[in-house]
Amino acid sequence: MLLGVSTFDDPVHELRGKVMLPDLIICFPSCLVVIDPGRLNDNFADGWDSFGSLLALPDGISKSWLWRAGGWKIPATLPASPLISRRLVAHPRSSWVPVNRIIQSFGRLGVDRGMSALIDKIPCAVETRQDMDGKAYKWTAMRCFLDTRPSNEAGPSGDQFFVIDSHRDGAVFHIHRGDVASIRMLESPSQAIDAYSSHVLSGKPGEFDFMPWSRIV
């Protein structure tokens, strides 16, 4: 277990000079895991709910991975990008990617075509919301909290998992190997993701098989 510190210049508050951000680094047999500790009194365990979308996750996932931390990451390089989190459950603070961007990363379908196929199955993937002035706008509510691809990899591979960020039903959607038209639901998601995480962190070979927990919508 190691402590890493990233430094950067704050372009907004220049008088602050160098800003230092600590990270906890755990060395596993197969990888390094960087854990963002968050800040004192600003995590969900302390009642801080500025990112209430975390409540869209099943309790077994949110309280296992994110209740007291700002996110877990397996970075391709160190220092890690604060905006990219792959292979482990991500925090909504910076790393929940809208489904249209995931579809774009597959490269096999146009985004419009892929989103049309998705919305046919899950109409609430895109919601109409209102801004502070009461004007309506479209919001991509379907957000990816776990992408099993490495952070530097694109294309229709691996598994991606999503929630509707405004829902509180704990439903988890699953895209396998870029097959948007056959989007799936993950059953017993806490158990499935725990088993997957154990597979990754213990360095077991090959891809984890989510199919025993997954069914087509």
C-alpha atoms as a PDB file:
ATOM      1  CA  MET A   1       0.000   0.000   0.000  1.00  0.00           C
ATOM      2  CA  LEU A   2       1.505   3.313  -1.124  1.00  0.00           C
ATOM      3  CA  LEU A   3       0.662   7.013  -0.987  1.00  0.00           C
ATOM      4  CA  GLY A   4       0.887   8.956  -4.235  1.00  0.00           C
ATOM      5  CA  VAL A   5       0.617  12.725  -4.628  1.00  0.00           C
ATOM      6  CA  SER A   6      -0.294  14.552  -7.856  1.00  0.00           C
ATOM      7  CA  THR A   7       0.454  18.267  -8.210  1.00  0.00           C
ATOM      8  CA  PHE A   8      -0.960  20.810 -10.641  1.00  0.00           C
ATOM      9  CA  ASP A   9      -1.329  24.577 -11.087  1.00  0.00           C
ATOM     10  CA  ASP A  10      -4.826  25.869 -10.398  1.00  0.00           C
ATOM     11  CA  PRO A  11      -5.776  28.075 -13.401  1.00  0.00           C
ATOM     12  CA  VAL A  12      -8.888  29.383 -11.638  1.00  0.00           C
ATOM     13  CA  HIS A  13      -7.362  30.321  -8.302  1.00  0.00           C
ATOM     14  CA  GLU A  14      -3.806  31.327  -9.262  1.00  0.00           C
ATOM     15  CA  LEU A  15      -2.949  32.483  -5.765  1.00  0.00           C
ATOM     16  CA  ARG A  16      -3.228  28.901  -4.562  1.00  0.00           C
ATOM     17  CA  GLY A  17      -0.129  28.005  -6.569  1.00  0.00           C
ATOM     18  CA  LYS A  18       0.567  24.286  -6.623  1.00  0.00           C
ATOM     19  CA  VAL A  19      -2.351  22.090  -5.616  1.00  0.00           C
ATOM     20  CA  MET A  20      -1.548  18.672  -4.164  1.00  0.00           C
ATOM     21  CA  LEU A  21      -3.956  15.748  -4.454  1.00  0.00           C
ATOM     22  CA  PRO A  22      -3.273  12.538  -2.509  1.00  0.00           C
ATOM     23  CA  ASP A  23      -4.138   9.059  -3.785  1.00  0.00           C
ATOM     24  CA  LEU A  24      -3.955   5.714  -2.074  1.00  0.00           C
ATOM     25  CA  ILE A  25      -2.243   3.146  -4.324  1.00  0.00           C
ATOM     26  CA  ILE A  26      -2.700  -0.566  -3.683  1.00  0.00           C
ATOM     27  CA  CYS A  27      -0.468  -3.074  -5.464  1.00  0.00           C
ATOM     28  CA  PHE A  28      -2.405  -6.165  -6.560  1.00  0.00           C
ATOM     29  CA  PRO A  29      -0.858  -9.169  -8.346  1.00  0.00           C
ATOM     30  CA  SER A  30      -2.218  -8.045 -11.711  1.00  0.00           C
ATOM     31  CA  CYS A  31      -2.422  -4.249 -11.477  1.00  0.00           C
ATOM     32  CA  LEU A  32      -2.190  -1.051  -9.495  1.00  0.00           C
ATOM     33  CA  VAL A  33      -5.406   0.377  -8.063  1.00  0.00           C
ATOM     34  CA  VAL A  34      -5.662   4.091  -7.324  1.00  0.00           C
ATOM     35  CA  ILE A  35      -8.285   5.094  -4.742  1.00  0.00           C
ATOM     36  CA  ASP A  36      -9.372   8.723  -4.592  1.00  0.00           C
ATOM     37  CA  PRO A  37      -9.934   9.383  -0.877  1.00  0.00           C
ATOM     38  CA  GLY A  38     -12.345  12.235  -1.539  1.00  0.00           C
ATOM     39  CA  ARG A  39     -12.432  15.031   1.013  1.00  0.00           C
ATOM     40  CA  LEU A  40     -13.344  15.059   4.681  1.00  0.00           C
ATOM     41  CA  ASN A  41     -17.110  15.187   5.220  1.00  0.00           C
ATOM     42  CA  ASP A  42     -17.931  15.214   1.482  1.00  0.00           C
ATOM     43  CA  ASN A  43     -18.657  11.529   0.931  1.00  0.00           C
ATOM     44  CA  PHE A  44     -21.976   9.734   1.038  1.00  0.00           C
ATOM     45  CA  ALA A  45     -21.216   8.041   4.348  1.00  0.00           C
ATOM     46  CA  ASP A  46     -21.137  11.538   5.908  1.00  0.00           C
ATOM     47  CA  GLY A  47     -24.460  12.470   4.314  1.00  0.00           C
ATOM     48  CA  TRP A  48     -23.030  14.544   1.458  1.00  0.00           C
ATOM     49  CA  ASP A  49     -25.334  14.001  -1.532  1.00  0.00           C
ATOM     50  CA  SER A  50     -24.236  16.507  -4.176  1.00  0.00           C
ATOM     51  CA  PHE A  51     -23.890  13.494  -6.476  1.00  0.00           C
ATOM     52  CA  GLY A  52     -27.236  11.925  -5.650  1.00  0.00           C
ATOM     53  CA  SER A  53     -26.978   9.886  -8.855  1.00  0.00           C
ATOM     54  CA  LEU A  54     -24.930   7.447  -6.783  1.00  0.00           C
ATOM     55  CA  LEU A  55     -28.262   6.401  -5.287  1.00  0.00           C
ATOM     56  CA  ALA A  56     -29.206   5.000  -8.711  1.00  0.00           C
ATOM     57  CA  LEU A  57     -26.833   2.110  -7.996  1.00  0.00           C
ATOM     58  CA  PRO A  58     -27.888  -0.913  -5.974  1.00  0.00           C
ATOM     59  CA  ASP A  59     -26.814  -0.431  -2.353  1.00  0.00           C
ATOM     60  CA  GLY A  60     -24.501  -3.421  -2.532  1.00  0.00           C
ATOM     61  CA  ILE A  61     -22.427  -1.663  -5.203  1.00  0.00           C
ATOM     62  CA  SER A  62     -22.509   1.929  -3.979  1.00  0.00           C
ATOM     63  CA  LYS A  63     -21.782   1.073  -0.347  1.00  0.00           C
ATOM     64  CA  SER A  64     -19.055  -1.421  -1.261  1.00  0.00           C
ATOM     65  CA  TRP A  65     -17.084   0.852  -3.580  1.00  0.00           C
ATOM     66  CA  LEU A  66     -18.082   4.478  -3.290  1.00  0.00           C
ATOM     67  CA  TRP A  67     -19.696   5.249   0.057  1.00  0.00           C
ATOM     68  CA  ARG A  68     -16.462   6.467   1.677  1.00  0.00           C
ATOM     69  CA  ALA A  69     -14.240   7.129  -1.353  1.00  0.00           C
ATOM     70  CA  GLY A  70     -14.098   9.279  -4.466  1.00  0.00           C
ATOM     71  CA  GLY A  71     -13.595   6.372  -6.854  1.00  0.00           C
ATOM     72  CA  TRP A  72     -11.442   3.322  -7.606  1.00  0.00           C
ATOM     73  CA  LYS A  73      -9.354   3.163 -10.792  1.00  0.00           C
ATOM     74  CA  ILE A  74      -6.990   0.840 -12.622  1.00  0.00           C
ATOM     75  CA  PRO A  75      -5.001   3.411 -14.618  1.00  0.00           C
ATOM     76  CA  ALA A  76      -3.053   2.614 -17.772  1.00  0.00           C
ATOM     77  CA  THR A  77      -0.319   5.004 -16.585  1.00  0.00           C
ATOM     78  CA  LEU A  78       0.505   7.102 -13.528  1.00  0.00           C
ATOM     79  CA  PRO A  79      -0.409   9.820 -12.848  1.00  0.00           C
ATOM     80  CA  ALA A  80      -3.958   8.820 -13.772  1.00  0.00           C
ATOM     81  CA  SER A  81      -6.407  11.068 -15.574  1.00  0.00           C
ATOM     82  CA  PRO A  82      -9.074  12.291 -13.130  1.00  0.00           C
ATOM     83  CA  LEU A  83     -11.676  12.077 -15.920  1.00  0.00           C
ATOM     84  CA  ILE A  84     -11.130   8.477 -17.013  1.00  0.00           C
ATOM     85  CA  SER A  85     -12.020   5.435 -14.949  1.00  0.00           C
ATOM     86  CA  ARG A  86     -12.173   1.948 -16.449  1.00  0.00           C
ATOM     87  CA  ARG A  87     -12.326  -1.651 -15.193  1.00  0.00           C
ATOM     88  CA  LEU A  88     -13.677  -0.818 -11.724  1.00  0.00           C
ATOM     89  CA  VAL A  89     -16.810   0.919 -10.445  1.00  0.00           C
ATOM     90  CA  ALA A  90     -16.511   4.659 -11.167  1.00  0.00           C
ATOM     91  CA  HIS A  91     -17.686   7.648  -9.171  1.00  0.00           C
ATOM     92  CA  PRO A  92     -20.361   9.915 -10.728  1.00  0.00           C
ATOM     93  CA  ARG A  93     -18.263  12.958  -9.757  1.00  0.00           C
ATOM     94  CA  SER A  94     -16.278  12.772 -12.990  1.00  0.00           C
ATOM     95  CA  SER A  95     -16.398   9.375 -14.581  1.00  0.00           C
ATOM     96  CA  TRP A  96     -19.968   8.304 -15.375  1.00  0.00           C
ATOM     97  CA  VAL A  97     -19.971   8.403 -19.162  1.00  0.00           C
ATOM     98  CA  PRO A  98     -23.252   9.016 -21.065  1.00  0.00           C
ATOM     99  CA  VAL A  99     -24.345   6.058 -23.166  1.00  0.00           C
ATOM    100  CA  ASN A 100     -24.056   7.970 -26.457  1.00  0.00           C
ATOM    101  CA  ARG A 101     -20.318   8.407 -25.864  1.00  0.00           C
ATOM    102  CA  ILE A 102     -19.948   4.697 -25.126  1.00  0.00           C
ATOM    103  CA  ILE A 103     -21.773   3.847 -28.372  1.00  0.00           C
ATOM    104  CA  GLN A 104     -19.510   6.262 -30.249  1.00  0.00           C
ATOM    105  CA  SER A 105     -16.458   4.513 -28.829  1.00  0.00           C
ATOM    106  CA  PHE A 106     -17.576   1.195 -30.337  1.00  0.00           C
ATOM    107  CA  GLY A 107     -17.095   2.571 -33.850  1.00  0.00           C
ATOM    108  CA  ARG A 108     -19.293  -0.032 -35.561  1.00  0.00           C
ATOM    109  CA  LEU A 109     -22.540   2.009 -35.604  1.00  0.00           C
ATOM    110  CA  GLY A 110     -23.307   5.661 -36.043  1.00  0.00           C
ATOM    111  CA  VAL A 111     -24.269   7.270 -32.749  1.00  0.00           C
ATOM    112  CA  ASP A 112     -27.718   8.269 -34.048  1.00  0.00           C
ATOM    113  CA  ARG A 113     -28.474   4.757 -35.256  1.00  0.00           C
ATOM    114  CA  GLY A 114     -27.218   3.185 -32.049  1.00  0.00           C
ATOM    115  CA  MET A 115     -29.154   5.590 -29.827  1.00  0.00           C
ATOM    116  CA  SER A 116     -32.315   5.001 -31.848  1.00  0.00           C
ATOM    117  CA  ALA A 117     -32.002   1.231 -31.313  1.00  0.00           C
ATOM    118  CA  LEU A 118     -31.360   1.786 -27.617  1.00  0.00           C
ATOM    119  CA  ILE A 119     -34.262   4.185 -27.044  1.00  0.00           C
ATOM    120  CA  ASP A 120     -36.627   1.713 -28.719  1.00  0.00           C
ATOM    121  CA  LYS A 121     -35.800  -0.668 -25.870  1.00  0.00           C
ATOM    122  CA  ILE A 122     -35.251   1.849 -23.053  1.00  0.00           C
ATOM    123  CA  PRO A 123     -37.166   5.092 -23.696  1.00  0.00           C
ATOM    124  CA  CYS A 124     -35.984   6.652 -20.416  1.00  0.00           C
ATOM    125  CA  ALA A 125     -32.353   6.549 -21.593  1.00  0.00           C
ATOM    126  CA  VAL A 126     -32.882  10.164 -22.679  1.00  0.00           C
ATOM    127  CA  GLU A 127     -35.053  12.458 -20.547  1.00  0.00           C
ATOM    128  CA  THR A 128     -36.531  15.897 -20.988  1.00  0.00           C
ATOM    129  CA  ARG A 129     -35.513  18.142 -18.114  1.00  0.00           C
ATOM    130  CA  GLN A 130     -35.778  21.843 -17.330  1.00  0.00           C
ATOM    131  CA  ASP A 131     -32.966  24.279 -16.680  1.00  0.00           C
ATOM    132  CA  MET A 132     -33.039  27.044 -14.050  1.00  0.00           C
ATOM    133  CA  ASP A 133     -34.987  29.286 -16.432  1.00  0.00           C
ATOM    134  CA  GLY A 134     -37.634  26.632 -17.011  1.00  0.00           C
ATOM    135  CA  LYS A 135     -36.454  25.836 -20.542  1.00  0.00           C
ATOM    136  CA  ALA A 136     -36.679  22.208 -21.640  1.00  0.00           C
ATOM    137  CA  TYR A 137     -33.581  20.327 -22.764  1.00  0.00           C
ATOM    138  CA  LYS A 138     -32.622  16.730 -23.525  1.00  0.00           C
ATOM    139  CA  TRP A 139     -30.480  14.899 -20.987  1.00  0.00           C
ATOM    140  CA  THR A 140     -28.799  11.536 -21.519  1.00  0.00           C
ATOM    141  CA  ALA A 141     -29.818   9.914 -18.243  1.00  0.00           C
ATOM    142  CA  MET A 142     -28.337   6.506 -19.005  1.00  0.00           C
ATOM    143  CA  ARG A 143     -24.811   6.578 -17.589  1.00  0.00           C
ATOM    144  CA  CYS A 144     -21.991   4.037 -17.579  1.00  0.00           C
ATOM    145  CA  PHE A 145     -20.572   3.355 -14.104  1.00  0.00           C
ATOM    146  CA  LEU A 146     -18.404   0.372 -15.107  1.00  0.00           C
ATOM    147  CA  ASP A 147     -16.558  -0.212 -18.384  1.00  0.00           C
ATOM    148  CA  THR A 148     -14.396  -3.342 -18.308  1.00  0.00           C
ATOM    149  CA  ARG A 149     -12.171  -2.192 -21.187  1.00  0.00           C
ATOM    150  CA  PRO A 150      -8.717  -0.818 -20.300  1.00  0.00           C
ATOM    151  CA  SER A 151      -8.608   2.984 -20.211  1.00  0.00           C
ATOM    152  CA  ASN A 152      -6.692   3.238 -23.504  1.00  0.00           C
ATOM    153  CA  GLU A 153      -8.897   0.810 -25.478  1.00  0.00           C
ATOM    154  CA  ALA A 154     -11.860   1.521 -27.771  1.00  0.00           C
ATOM    155  CA  GLY A 155     -14.003  -0.710 -29.966  1.00  0.00           C
ATOM    156  CA  PRO A 156     -16.830  -3.203 -29.358  1.00  0.00           C
ATOM    157  CA  SER A 157     -15.222  -5.314 -26.659  1.00  0.00           C
ATOM    158  CA  GLY A 158     -15.743  -6.089 -22.991  1.00  0.00           C
ATOM    159  CA  ASP A 159     -18.825  -5.218 -20.964  1.00  0.00           C
ATOM    160  CA  GLN A 160     -20.374  -1.884 -20.020  1.00  0.00           C
ATOM    161  CA  PHE A 161     -22.915  -1.336 -17.226  1.00  0.00           C
ATOM    162  CA  PHE A 162     -25.385   1.524 -16.876  1.00  0.00           C
ATOM    163  CA  VAL A 163     -28.010   3.033 -14.611  1.00  0.00           C
ATOM    164  CA  ILE A 164     -30.633   5.697 -15.267  1.00  0.00           C
ATOM    165  CA  ASP A 165     -29.226   8.425 -13.048  1.00  0.00           C
ATOM    166  CA  SER A 166     -32.628   9.736 -11.936  1.00  0.00           C
ATOM    167  CA  HIS A 167     -34.040   6.312 -11.014  1.00  0.00           C
ATOM    168  CA  ARG A 168     -33.826   4.663  -7.615  1.00  0.00           C
ATOM    169  CA  ASP A 169     -34.890   1.139  -8.571  1.00  0.00           C
ATOM    170  CA  GLY A 170     -31.361  -0.292  -8.672  1.00  0.00           C
ATOM    171  CA  ALA A 171     -31.811  -1.542 -12.260  1.00  0.00           C
ATOM    172  CA  VAL A 172     -28.499  -2.175 -14.059  1.00  0.00           C
ATOM    173  CA  PHE A 173     -28.317  -2.394 -17.864  1.00  0.00           C
ATOM    174  CA  HIS A 174     -25.613  -4.328 -19.688  1.00  0.00           C
ATOM    175  CA  ILE A 175     -24.043  -4.008 -23.149  1.00  0.00           C
ATOM    176  CA  HIS A 176     -21.871  -6.976 -24.139  1.00  0.00           C
ATOM    177  CA  ARG A 177     -19.240  -6.580 -26.868  1.00  0.00           C
ATOM    178  CA  GLY A 178     -20.898  -3.521 -28.358  1.00  0.00           C
ATOM    179  CA  ASP A 179     -24.225  -5.209 -29.107  1.00  0.00           C
ATOM    180  CA  VAL A 180     -26.461  -2.201 -28.438  1.00  0.00           C
ATOM    181  CA  ALA A 181     -29.498  -3.696 -30.192  1.00  0.00           C
ATOM    182  CA  SER A 182     -29.485  -6.629 -27.750  1.00  0.00           C
ATOM    183  CA  ILE A 183     -29.064  -4.635 -24.567  1.00  0.00           C
ATOM    184  CA  ARG A 184     -29.368  -6.724 -21.431  1.00  0.00           C
ATOM    185  CA  MET A 185     -30.314  -6.474 -17.743  1.00  0.00           C
ATOM    186  CA  LEU A 186     -27.925  -7.608 -15.020  1.00  0.00           C
ATOM    187  CA  GLU A 187     -29.596  -9.749 -12.381  1.00  0.00           C
ATOM    188  CA  SER A 188     -28.104  -9.854  -8.861  1.00  0.00           C
ATOM    189  CA  PRO A 189     -25.777  -7.009  -9.931  1.00  0.00           C
ATOM    190  CA  SER A 190     -23.986  -6.707  -6.587  1.00  0.00           C
ATOM    191  CA  GLN A 191     -23.012 -10.386  -6.646  1.00  0.00           C
ATOM    192  CA  ALA A 192     -22.020 -10.259 -10.314  1.00  0.00           C
ATOM    193  CA  ILE A 193     -19.803  -7.194  -9.930  1.00  0.00           C
ATOM    194  CA  ASP A 194     -18.231  -8.519  -6.732  1.00  0.00           C
ATOM    195  CA  ALA A 195     -17.320 -11.735  -8.566  1.00  0.00           C
ATOM    196  CA  TYR A 196     -15.975  -9.730 -11.522  1.00  0.00           C
ATOM    197  CA  SER A 197     -13.908  -7.479  -9.236  1.00  0.00           C
ATOM    198  CA  SER A 198     -12.405 -10.508  -7.503  1.00  0.00           C
ATOM    199  CA  HIS A 199     -11.529 -11.950 -10.932  1.00  0.00           C
ATOM    200  CA  VAL A 200      -9.747  -8.748 -11.992  1.00  0.00           C
ATOM    201  CA  LEU A 201      -7.924  -7.940  -8.759  1.00  0.00           C
ATOM    202  CA  SER A 202      -6.669 -11.490  -8.232  1.00  0.00           C
ATOM    203  CA  GLY A 203      -5.215 -11.525 -11.754  1.00  0.00           C
ATOM    204  CA  LYS A 204      -7.187 -14.450 -13.127  1.00  0.00           C
ATOM    205  CA  PRO A 205      -6.647 -14.950 -16.880  1.00  0.00           C
ATOM    206  CA  GLY A 206      -9.241 -14.168 -19.544  1.00  0.00           C
ATOM    207  CA  GLU A 207     -12.390 -12.093 -19.518  1.00  0.00           C
ATOM    208  CA  PHE A 208     -14.935 -12.512 -16.767  1.00  0.00           C
ATOM    209  CA  ASP A 209     -18.179 -14.114 -17.975  1.00  0.00           C
ATOM    210  CA  PHE A 210     -21.196 -12.031 -16.959  1.00  0.00           C
ATOM    211  CA  MET A 211     -23.647 -14.124 -18.961  1.00  0.00           C
ATOM    212  CA  PRO A 212     -24.911 -16.245 -16.005  1.00  0.00           C
ATOM    213  CA  TRP A 213     -26.197 -13.008 -14.440  1.00  0.00           C
ATOM    214  CA  SER A 214     -27.414 -11.333 -17.631  1.00  0.00           C
ATOM    215  CA  ARG A 215     -30.597 -11.513 -19.708  1.00  0.00           C
ATOM    216  CA  ILE A 216     -31.811  -9.680 -22.807  1.00  0.00           C
ATOM    217  CA  VAL A 217     -34.286  -6.859 -22.146  1.00  0.00           C
END
